[in-house]
Amino acid sequence: QLHQPRNVREKRFTDVIHSTISQGGRVLIPAFALGRAKEL
């Protein structure tokens, strides 16, 4: 697999969260892996 660059993936992630919050929403992230959750 060819992943998108890290900065692109992080921007997609934060853009979705910011957009949701701006519209009055809440974000639930099922980050079950211990190391991944710390990174997020």
ModelCIF file with pLDDT and N, C-alpha, C, O atoms, coordinates in Angstrom:
data_MODEL
#
_entry.id   MODEL 
#
_entity.id                         1 
_entity.type                       polymer 
_entity.pdbx_number_of_molecules   1 
#
_entity_poly.entity_id                      1 
_entity_poly.type                           'polypeptide(L)' 
_entity_poly.nstd_linkage                   no 
_entity_poly.nstd_monomer                   no 
_entity_poly.pdbx_seq_one_letter_code       QLHQPRNVREKRFTDVIHSTISQGGRVLIPAFALGRAKEL 
_entity_poly.pdbx_seq_one_letter_code_can   QLHQPRNVREKRFTDVIHSTISQGGRVLIPAFALGRAKEL 
_entity_poly.pdbx_strand_id                 A 
#
loop_
_entity_poly_seq.entity_id 
_entity_poly_seq.num 
_entity_poly_seq.mon_id 
_entity_poly_seq.hetero 
1 1  GLN n 
1 2  LEU n 
1 3  HIS n 
1 4  GLN n 
1 5  PRO n 
1 6  ARG n 
1 7  ASN n 
1 8  VAL n 
1 9  ARG n 
1 10 GLU n 
1 11 LYS n 
1 12 ARG n 
1 13 PHE n 
1 14 THR n 
1 15 ASP n 
1 16 VAL n 
1 17 ILE n 
1 18 HIS n 
1 19 SER n 
1 20 THR n 
1 21 ILE n 
1 22 SER n 
1 23 GLN n 
1 24 GLY n 
1 25 GLY n 
1 26 ARG n 
1 27 VAL n 
1 28 LEU n 
1 29 ILE n 
1 30 PRO n 
1 31 ALA n 
1 32 PHE n 
1 33 ALA n 
1 34 LEU n 
1 35 GLY n 
1 36 ARG n 
1 37 ALA n 
1 38 LYS n 
1 39 GLU n 
1 40 LEU n 
#
_struct_asym.id          A 
_struct_asym.entity_id   1 
#
loop_
_ma_qa_metric.id 
_ma_qa_metric.mode 
_ma_qa_metric.name 
_ma_qa_metric.software_group_id 
_ma_qa_metric.type 
1 global pLDDT . pLDDT 
2 local  pLDDT . pLDDT 
#
_ma_qa_metric_global.metric_id      1 
_ma_qa_metric_global.metric_value   89.55 
_ma_qa_metric_global.model_id       1 
_ma_qa_metric_global.ordinal_id     1 
#
loop_
_ma_qa_metric_local.label_asym_id 
_ma_qa_metric_local.label_comp_id 
_ma_qa_metric_local.label_seq_id 
_ma_qa_metric_local.metric_id 
_ma_qa_metric_local.metric_value 
_ma_qa_metric_local.model_id 
_ma_qa_metric_local.ordinal_id 
A GLN 1  2 80.00 1 1  
A LEU 2  2 84.00 1 2  
A HIS 3  2 82.00 1 3  
A GLN 4  2 88.00 1 4  
A PRO 5  2 89.00 1 5  
A ARG 6  2 88.00 1 6  
A ASN 7  2 91.00 1 7  
A VAL 8  2 94.00 1 8  
A ARG 9  2 93.00 1 9  
A GLU 10 2 94.00 1 10 
A LYS 11 2 96.00 1 11 
A ARG 12 2 96.00 1 12 
A PHE 13 2 96.00 1 13 
A THR 14 2 97.00 1 14 
A ASP 15 2 97.00 1 15 
A VAL 16 2 97.00 1 16 
A ILE 17 2 97.00 1 17 
A HIS 18 2 97.00 1 18 
A SER 19 2 97.00 1 19 
A THR 20 2 97.00 1 20 
A ILE 21 2 96.00 1 21 
A SER 22 2 96.00 1 22 
A GLN 23 2 96.00 1 23 
A GLY 24 2 95.00 1 24 
A GLY 25 2 96.00 1 25 
A ARG 26 2 96.00 1 26 
A VAL 27 2 95.00 1 27 
A LEU 28 2 94.00 1 28 
A ILE 29 2 91.00 1 29 
A PRO 30 2 87.00 1 30 
A ALA 31 2 78.00 1 31 
A PHE 32 2 67.00 1 32 
A ALA 33 2 67.00 1 33 
A LEU 34 2 76.00 1 34 
A GLY 35 2 78.00 1 35 
A ARG 36 2 80.00 1 36 
A ALA 37 2 82.00 1 37 
A LYS 38 2 84.00 1 38 
A GLU 39 2 88.00 1 39 
A LEU 40 2 90.00 1 40 
#
loop_
_atom_site.group_PDB 
_atom_site.id 
_atom_site.type_symbol 
_atom_site.label_atom_id 
_atom_site.label_alt_id 
_atom_site.label_comp_id 
_atom_site.label_asym_id 
_atom_site.label_entity_id 
_atom_site.label_seq_id 
_atom_site.pdbx_PDB_ins_code 
_atom_site.Cartn_x 
_atom_site.Cartn_y 
_atom_site.Cartn_z 
_atom_site.occupancy 
_atom_site.B_iso_or_equiv 
_atom_site.pdbx_formal_charge 
_atom_site.auth_seq_id 
_atom_site.auth_comp_id 
_atom_site.auth_asym_id 
_atom_site.auth_atom_id 
_atom_site.pdbx_PDB_model_num 
ATOM 1   N N  . GLN A 1 1  ? 0.829   -1.201 0.000  1.00 80.00 ? 1  GLN A N  1 
ATOM 2   C CA . GLN A 1 1  ? 0.000   0.000  0.000  1.00 80.00 ? 1  GLN A CA 1 
ATOM 3   C C  . GLN A 1 1  ? 0.866   1.255  0.000  1.00 80.00 ? 1  GLN A C  1 
ATOM 4   O O  . GLN A 1 1  ? 1.956   1.283  0.571  1.00 80.00 ? 1  GLN A O  1 
ATOM 5   N N  . LEU A 1 2  ? 0.349   2.291  -0.657 1.00 84.00 ? 2  LEU A N  1 
ATOM 6   C CA . LEU A 1 2  ? 1.031   3.577  -0.698 1.00 84.00 ? 2  LEU A CA 1 
ATOM 7   C C  . LEU A 1 2  ? 0.224   4.576  0.119  1.00 84.00 ? 2  LEU A C  1 
ATOM 8   O O  . LEU A 1 2  ? -0.879  4.959  -0.271 1.00 84.00 ? 2  LEU A O  1 
ATOM 9   N N  . HIS A 1 3  ? 0.776   4.996  1.250  1.00 82.00 ? 3  HIS A N  1 
ATOM 10  C CA . HIS A 1 3  ? 0.075   5.931  2.122  1.00 82.00 ? 3  HIS A CA 1 
ATOM 11  C C  . HIS A 1 3  ? 0.264   7.373  1.656  1.00 82.00 ? 3  HIS A C  1 
ATOM 12  O O  . HIS A 1 3  ? 1.278   7.727  1.054  1.00 82.00 ? 3  HIS A O  1 
ATOM 13  N N  . GLN A 1 4  ? -0.738  8.188  1.950  1.00 88.00 ? 4  GLN A N  1 
ATOM 14  C CA . GLN A 1 4  ? -0.566  9.621  1.743  1.00 88.00 ? 4  GLN A CA 1 
ATOM 15  C C  . GLN A 1 4  ? 0.472   10.136 2.738  1.00 88.00 ? 4  GLN A C  1 
ATOM 16  O O  . GLN A 1 4  ? 0.668   9.520  3.786  1.00 88.00 ? 4  GLN A O  1 
ATOM 17  N N  . PRO A 1 5  ? 1.141   11.252 2.437  1.00 89.00 ? 5  PRO A N  1 
ATOM 18  C CA . PRO A 1 5  ? 2.093   11.826 3.401  1.00 89.00 ? 5  PRO A CA 1 
ATOM 19  C C  . PRO A 1 5  ? 1.416   12.100 4.737  1.00 89.00 ? 5  PRO A C  1 
ATOM 20  O O  . PRO A 1 5  ? 0.222   12.394 4.787  1.00 89.00 ? 5  PRO A O  1 
ATOM 21  N N  . ARG A 1 6  ? 2.189   12.002 5.824  1.00 88.00 ? 6  ARG A N  1 
ATOM 22  C CA . ARG A 1 6  ? 1.643   12.171 7.167  1.00 88.00 ? 6  ARG A CA 1 
ATOM 23  C C  . ARG A 1 6  ? 0.923   13.512 7.326  1.00 88.00 ? 6  ARG A C  1 
ATOM 24  O O  . ARG A 1 6  ? -0.160  13.569 7.908  1.00 88.00 ? 6  ARG A O  1 
ATOM 25  N N  . ASN A 1 7  ? 1.524   14.593 6.809  1.00 91.00 ? 7  ASN A N  1 
ATOM 26  C CA . ASN A 1 7  ? 0.892   15.910 6.988  1.00 91.00 ? 7  ASN A CA 1 
ATOM 27  C C  . ASN A 1 7  ? -0.458  15.996 6.288  1.00 91.00 ? 7  ASN A C  1 
ATOM 28  O O  . ASN A 1 7  ? -1.353  16.698 6.758  1.00 91.00 ? 7  ASN A O  1 
ATOM 29  N N  . VAL A 1 8  ? -0.615  15.291 5.174  1.00 94.00 ? 8  VAL A N  1 
ATOM 30  C CA . VAL A 1 8  ? -1.896  15.275 4.460  1.00 94.00 ? 8  VAL A CA 1 
ATOM 31  C C  . VAL A 1 8  ? -2.939  14.516 5.275  1.00 94.00 ? 8  VAL A C  1 
ATOM 32  O O  . VAL A 1 8  ? -4.077  14.965 5.414  1.00 94.00 ? 8  VAL A O  1 
ATOM 33  N N  . ARG A 1 9  ? -2.545  13.367 5.809  1.00 93.00 ? 9  ARG A N  1 
ATOM 34  C CA . ARG A 1 9  ? -3.480  12.568 6.609  1.00 93.00 ? 9  ARG A CA 1 
ATOM 35  C C  . ARG A 1 9  ? -3.887  13.300 7.891  1.00 93.00 ? 9  ARG A C  1 
ATOM 36  O O  . ARG A 1 9  ? -5.049  13.258 8.294  1.00 93.00 ? 9  ARG A O  1 
ATOM 37  N N  . GLU A 1 10 ? -2.930  13.964 8.521  1.00 94.00 ? 10 GLU A N  1 
ATOM 38  C CA . GLU A 1 10 ? -3.247  14.702 9.743  1.00 94.00 ? 10 GLU A CA 1 
ATOM 39  C C  . GLU A 1 10 ? -4.183  15.871 9.456  1.00 94.00 ? 10 GLU A C  1 
ATOM 40  O O  . GLU A 1 10 ? -5.073  16.168 10.252 1.00 94.00 ? 10 GLU A O  1 
ATOM 41  N N  . LYS A 1 11 ? -3.981  16.536 8.313  1.00 96.00 ? 11 LYS A N  1 
ATOM 42  C CA . LYS A 1 11 ? -4.859  17.659 7.963  1.00 96.00 ? 11 LYS A CA 1 
ATOM 43  C C  . LYS A 1 11 ? -6.287  17.179 7.704  1.00 96.00 ? 11 LYS A C  1 
ATOM 44  O O  . LYS A 1 11 ? -7.244  17.831 8.122  1.00 96.00 ? 11 LYS A O  1 
ATOM 45  N N  . ARG A 1 12 ? -6.436  16.056 7.025  1.00 96.00 ? 12 ARG A N  1 
ATOM 46  C CA . ARG A 1 12 ? -7.774  15.488 6.795  1.00 96.00 ? 12 ARG A CA 1 
ATOM 47  C C  . ARG A 1 12 ? -8.453  15.203 8.129  1.00 96.00 ? 12 ARG A C  1 
ATOM 48  O O  . ARG A 1 12 ? -9.634  15.495 8.316  1.00 96.00 ? 12 ARG A O  1 
ATOM 49  N N  . PHE A 1 13 ? -7.688  14.629 9.052  1.00 96.00 ? 13 PHE A N  1 
ATOM 50  C CA . PHE A 1 13 ? -8.198  14.273 10.376 1.00 96.00 ? 13 PHE A CA 1 
ATOM 51  C C  . PHE A 1 13 ? -8.665  15.515 11.146 1.00 96.00 ? 13 PHE A C  1 
ATOM 52  O O  . PHE A 1 13 ? -9.791  15.557 11.641 1.00 96.00 ? 13 PHE A O  1 
ATOM 53  N N  . THR A 1 14 ? -7.796  16.520 11.242 1.00 97.00 ? 14 THR A N  1 
ATOM 54  C CA . THR A 1 14 ? -8.140  17.723 12.017 1.00 97.00 ? 14 THR A CA 1 
ATOM 55  C C  . THR A 1 14 ? -9.203  18.564 11.318 1.00 97.00 ? 14 THR A C  1 
ATOM 56  O O  . THR A 1 14 ? -10.007 19.213 11.988 1.00 97.00 ? 14 THR A O  1 
ATOM 57  N N  . ASP A 1 15 ? -9.224  18.566 9.984  1.00 97.00 ? 15 ASP A N  1 
ATOM 58  C CA . ASP A 1 15 ? -10.252 19.330 9.255  1.00 97.00 ? 15 ASP A CA 1 
ATOM 59  C C  . ASP A 1 15 ? -11.652 18.794 9.552  1.00 97.00 ? 15 ASP A C  1 
ATOM 60  O O  . ASP A 1 15 ? -12.586 19.563 9.775  1.00 97.00 ? 15 ASP A O  1 
ATOM 61  N N  . VAL A 1 16 ? -11.783 17.474 9.553  1.00 97.00 ? 16 VAL A N  1 
ATOM 62  C CA . VAL A 1 16 ? -13.090 16.859 9.831  1.00 97.00 ? 16 VAL A CA 1 
ATOM 63  C C  . VAL A 1 16 ? -13.543 17.198 11.249 1.00 97.00 ? 16 VAL A C  1 
ATOM 64  O O  . VAL A 1 16 ? -14.706 17.532 11.474 1.00 97.00 ? 16 VAL A O  1 
ATOM 65  N N  . ILE A 1 17 ? -12.613 17.109 12.206 1.00 97.00 ? 17 ILE A N  1 
ATOM 66  C CA . ILE A 1 17 ? -12.950 17.410 13.596 1.00 97.00 ? 17 ILE A CA 1 
ATOM 67  C C  . ILE A 1 17 ? -13.343 18.867 13.763 1.00 97.00 ? 17 ILE A C  1 
ATOM 68  O O  . ILE A 1 17 ? -14.348 19.171 14.407 1.00 97.00 ? 17 ILE A O  1 
ATOM 69  N N  . HIS A 1 18 ? -12.553 19.778 13.183 1.00 97.00 ? 18 HIS A N  1 
ATOM 70  C CA . HIS A 1 18 ? -12.846 21.207 13.315 1.00 97.00 ? 18 HIS A CA 1 
ATOM 71  C C  . HIS A 1 18 ? -14.185 21.547 12.675 1.00 97.00 ? 18 HIS A C  1 
ATOM 72  O O  . HIS A 1 18 ? -14.976 22.306 13.235 1.00 97.00 ? 18 HIS A O  1 
ATOM 73  N N  . SER A 1 19 ? -14.433 20.986 11.508 1.00 97.00 ? 19 SER A N  1 
ATOM 74  C CA . SER A 1 19 ? -15.700 21.233 10.808 1.00 97.00 ? 19 SER A CA 1 
ATOM 75  C C  . SER A 1 19 ? -16.897 20.742 11.623 1.00 97.00 ? 19 SER A C  1 
ATOM 76  O O  . SER A 1 19 ? -17.919 21.423 11.709 1.00 97.00 ? 19 SER A O  1 
ATOM 77  N N  . THR A 1 20 ? -16.764 19.569 12.213 1.00 97.00 ? 20 THR A N  1 
ATOM 78  C CA . THR A 1 20 ? -17.858 18.989 13.014 1.00 97.00 ? 20 THR A CA 1 
ATOM 79  C C  . THR A 1 20 ? -18.153 19.859 14.236 1.00 97.00 ? 20 THR A C  1 
ATOM 80  O O  . THR A 1 20 ? -19.310 20.150 14.540 1.00 97.00 ? 20 THR A O  1 
ATOM 81  N N  . ILE A 1 21 ? -17.086 20.270 14.932 1.00 96.00 ? 21 ILE A N  1 
ATOM 82  C CA . ILE A 1 21 ? -17.252 21.104 16.128 1.00 96.00 ? 21 ILE A CA 1 
ATOM 83  C C  . ILE A 1 21 ? -17.848 22.459 15.772 1.00 96.00 ? 21 ILE A C  1 
ATOM 84  O O  . ILE A 1 21 ? -18.680 22.990 16.509 1.00 96.00 ? 21 ILE A O  1 
ATOM 85  N N  . SER A 1 22 ? -17.422 23.018 14.642 1.00 96.00 ? 22 SER A N  1 
ATOM 86  C CA . SER A 1 22 ? -17.928 24.333 14.207 1.00 96.00 ? 22 SER A CA 1 
ATOM 87  C C  . SER A 1 22 ? -19.425 24.304 13.944 1.00 96.00 ? 22 SER A C  1 
ATOM 88  O O  . SER A 1 22 ? -20.102 25.327 14.047 1.00 96.00 ? 22 SER A O  1 
ATOM 89  N N  . GLN A 1 23 ? -19.938 23.126 13.603 1.00 96.00 ? 23 GLN A N  1 
ATOM 90  C CA . GLN A 1 23 ? -21.372 22.976 13.340 1.00 96.00 ? 23 GLN A CA 1 
ATOM 91  C C  . GLN A 1 23 ? -22.148 22.527 14.580 1.00 96.00 ? 23 GLN A C  1 
ATOM 92  O O  . GLN A 1 23 ? -23.326 22.178 14.501 1.00 96.00 ? 23 GLN A O  1 
ATOM 93  N N  . GLY A 1 24 ? -21.461 22.544 15.729 1.00 95.00 ? 24 GLY A N  1 
ATOM 94  C CA . GLY A 1 24 ? -22.122 22.176 16.977 1.00 95.00 ? 24 GLY A CA 1 
ATOM 95  C C  . GLY A 1 24 ? -22.117 20.694 17.265 1.00 95.00 ? 24 GLY A C  1 
ATOM 96  O O  . GLY A 1 24 ? -22.815 20.241 18.173 1.00 95.00 ? 24 GLY A O  1 
ATOM 97  N N  . GLY A 1 25 ? -21.351 19.931 16.519 1.00 96.00 ? 25 GLY A N  1 
ATOM 98  C CA . GLY A 1 25 ? -21.336 18.482 16.702 1.00 96.00 ? 25 GLY A CA 1 
ATOM 99  C C  . GLY A 1 25 ? -20.289 18.015 17.692 1.00 96.00 ? 25 GLY A C  1 
ATOM 100 O O  . GLY A 1 25 ? -19.513 18.804 18.232 1.00 96.00 ? 25 GLY A O  1 
ATOM 101 N N  . ARG A 1 26 ? -20.288 16.717 17.914 1.00 96.00 ? 26 ARG A N  1 
ATOM 102 C CA . ARG A 1 26 ? -19.303 16.065 18.768 1.00 96.00 ? 26 ARG A CA 1 
ATOM 103 C C  . ARG A 1 26 ? -18.616 14.965 17.972 1.00 96.00 ? 26 ARG A C  1 
ATOM 104 O O  . ARG A 1 26 ? -19.198 14.415 17.037 1.00 96.00 ? 26 ARG A O  1 
ATOM 105 N N  . VAL A 1 27 ? -17.398 14.649 18.334 1.00 95.00 ? 27 VAL A N  1 
ATOM 106 C CA . VAL A 1 27 ? -16.623 13.650 17.594 1.00 95.00 ? 27 VAL A CA 1 
ATOM 107 C C  . VAL A 1 27 ? -16.254 12.495 18.523 1.00 95.00 ? 27 VAL A C  1 
ATOM 108 O O  . VAL A 1 27 ? -15.673 12.699 19.589 1.00 95.00 ? 27 VAL A O  1 
ATOM 109 N N  . LEU A 1 28 ? -16.595 11.301 18.106 1.00 94.00 ? 28 LEU A N  1 
ATOM 110 C CA . LEU A 1 28 ? -16.202 10.086 18.834 1.00 94.00 ? 28 LEU A CA 1 
ATOM 111 C C  . LEU A 1 28 ? -15.162 9.347  17.993 1.00 94.00 ? 28 LEU A C  1 
ATOM 112 O O  . LEU A 1 28 ? -15.393 9.075  16.815 1.00 94.00 ? 28 LEU A O  1 
ATOM 113 N N  . ILE A 1 29 ? -14.027 9.024  18.593 1.00 91.00 ? 29 ILE A N  1 
ATOM 114 C CA . ILE A 1 29 ? -12.950 8.355  17.870 1.00 91.00 ? 29 ILE A CA 1 
ATOM 115 C C  . ILE A 1 29 ? -12.665 7.004  18.536 1.00 91.00 ? 29 ILE A C  1 
ATOM 116 O O  . ILE A 1 29 ? -12.141 6.975  19.649 1.00 91.00 ? 29 ILE A O  1 
ATOM 117 N N  . PRO A 1 30 ? -12.992 5.897  17.888 1.00 87.00 ? 30 PRO A N  1 
ATOM 118 C CA . PRO A 1 30 ? -12.743 4.571  18.491 1.00 87.00 ? 30 PRO A CA 1 
ATOM 119 C C  . PRO A 1 30 ? -11.286 4.145  18.319 1.00 87.00 ? 30 PRO A C  1 
ATOM 120 O O  . PRO A 1 30 ? -10.986 3.223  17.561 1.00 87.00 ? 30 PRO A O  1 
ATOM 121 N N  . ALA A 1 31 ? -10.396 4.815  19.021 1.00 78.00 ? 31 ALA A N  1 
ATOM 122 C CA . ALA A 1 31 ? -8.961  4.507  18.928 1.00 78.00 ? 31 ALA A CA 1 
ATOM 123 C C  . ALA A 1 31 ? -8.614  3.466  19.984 1.00 78.00 ? 31 ALA A C  1 
ATOM 124 O O  . ALA A 1 31 ? -8.302  3.808  21.125 1.00 78.00 ? 31 ALA A O  1 
ATOM 125 N N  . PHE A 1 32 ? -8.668  2.200  19.602 1.00 67.00 ? 32 PHE A N  1 
ATOM 126 C CA . PHE A 1 32 ? -8.504  1.123  20.579 1.00 67.00 ? 32 PHE A CA 1 
ATOM 127 C C  . PHE A 1 32 ? -7.049  0.740  20.807 1.00 67.00 ? 32 PHE A C  1 
ATOM 128 O O  . PHE A 1 32 ? -6.723  0.137  21.830 1.00 67.00 ? 32 PHE A O  1 
ATOM 129 N N  . ALA A 1 33 ? -6.169  1.079  19.870 1.00 67.00 ? 33 ALA A N  1 
ATOM 130 C CA . ALA A 1 33 ? -4.757  0.706  20.019 1.00 67.00 ? 33 ALA A CA 1 
ATOM 131 C C  . ALA A 1 33 ? -4.045  1.731  20.891 1.00 67.00 ? 33 ALA A C  1 
ATOM 132 O O  . ALA A 1 33 ? -4.112  2.934  20.642 1.00 67.00 ? 33 ALA A O  1 
ATOM 133 N N  . LEU A 1 34 ? -3.368  1.235  21.908 1.00 76.00 ? 34 LEU A N  1 
ATOM 134 C CA . LEU A 1 34 ? -2.789  2.115  22.926 1.00 76.00 ? 34 LEU A CA 1 
ATOM 135 C C  . LEU A 1 34 ? -1.839  3.157  22.337 1.00 76.00 ? 34 LEU A C  1 
ATOM 136 O O  . LEU A 1 34 ? -1.980  4.348  22.618 1.00 76.00 ? 34 LEU A O  1 
ATOM 137 N N  . GLY A 1 35 ? -0.876  2.724  21.525 1.00 78.00 ? 35 GLY A N  1 
ATOM 138 C CA . GLY A 1 35 ? 0.083   3.668  20.961 1.00 78.00 ? 35 GLY A CA 1 
ATOM 139 C C  . GLY A 1 35 ? -0.557  4.658  20.009 1.00 78.00 ? 35 GLY A C  1 
ATOM 140 O O  . GLY A 1 35 ? -0.210  5.839  20.015 1.00 78.00 ? 35 GLY A O  1 
ATOM 141 N N  . ARG A 1 36 ? -1.499  4.183  19.179 1.00 80.00 ? 36 ARG A N  1 
ATOM 142 C CA . ARG A 1 36 ? -2.181  5.050  18.221 1.00 80.00 ? 36 ARG A CA 1 
ATOM 143 C C  . ARG A 1 36 ? -2.994  6.124  18.944 1.00 80.00 ? 36 ARG A C  1 
ATOM 144 O O  . ARG A 1 36 ? -3.031  7.278  18.517 1.00 80.00 ? 36 ARG A O  1 
ATOM 145 N N  . ALA A 1 37 ? -3.631  5.740  20.021 1.00 82.00 ? 37 ALA A N  1 
ATOM 146 C CA . ALA A 1 37 ? -4.452  6.699  20.774 1.00 82.00 ? 37 ALA A CA 1 
ATOM 147 C C  . ALA A 1 37 ? -3.585  7.832  21.334 1.00 82.00 ? 37 ALA A C  1 
ATOM 148 O O  . ALA A 1 37 ? -3.983  8.997  21.303 1.00 82.00 ? 37 ALA A O  1 
ATOM 149 N N  . LYS A 1 38 ? -2.398  7.485  21.845 1.00 84.00 ? 38 LYS A N  1 
ATOM 150 C CA . LYS A 1 38 ? -1.475  8.511  22.348 1.00 84.00 ? 38 LYS A CA 1 
ATOM 151 C C  . LYS A 1 38 ? -1.097  9.478  21.231 1.00 84.00 ? 38 LYS A C  1 
ATOM 152 O O  . LYS A 1 38 ? -1.036  10.688 21.448 1.00 84.00 ? 38 LYS A O  1 
ATOM 153 N N  . GLU A 1 39 ? -0.846  8.951  20.052 1.00 88.00 ? 39 GLU A N  1 
ATOM 154 C CA . GLU A 1 39 ? -0.449  9.789  18.921 1.00 88.00 ? 39 GLU A CA 1 
ATOM 155 C C  . GLU A 1 39 ? -1.583  10.733 18.511 1.00 88.00 ? 39 GLU A C  1 
ATOM 156 O O  . GLU A 1 39 ? -1.344  11.908 18.232 1.00 88.00 ? 39 GLU A O  1 
ATOM 157 N N  . LEU A 1 40 ? -2.801  10.224 18.475 1.00 90.00 ? 40 LEU A N  1 
ATOM 158 C CA . LEU A 1 40 ? -3.946  11.068 18.117 1.00 90.00 ? 40 LEU A CA 1 
ATOM 159 C C  . LEU A 1 40 ? -4.140  12.197 19.126 1.00 90.00 ? 40 LEU A C  1 
ATOM 160 O O  . LEU A 1 40 ? -5.058  13.004 18.980 1.00 90.00 ? 40 LEU A O  1 
#
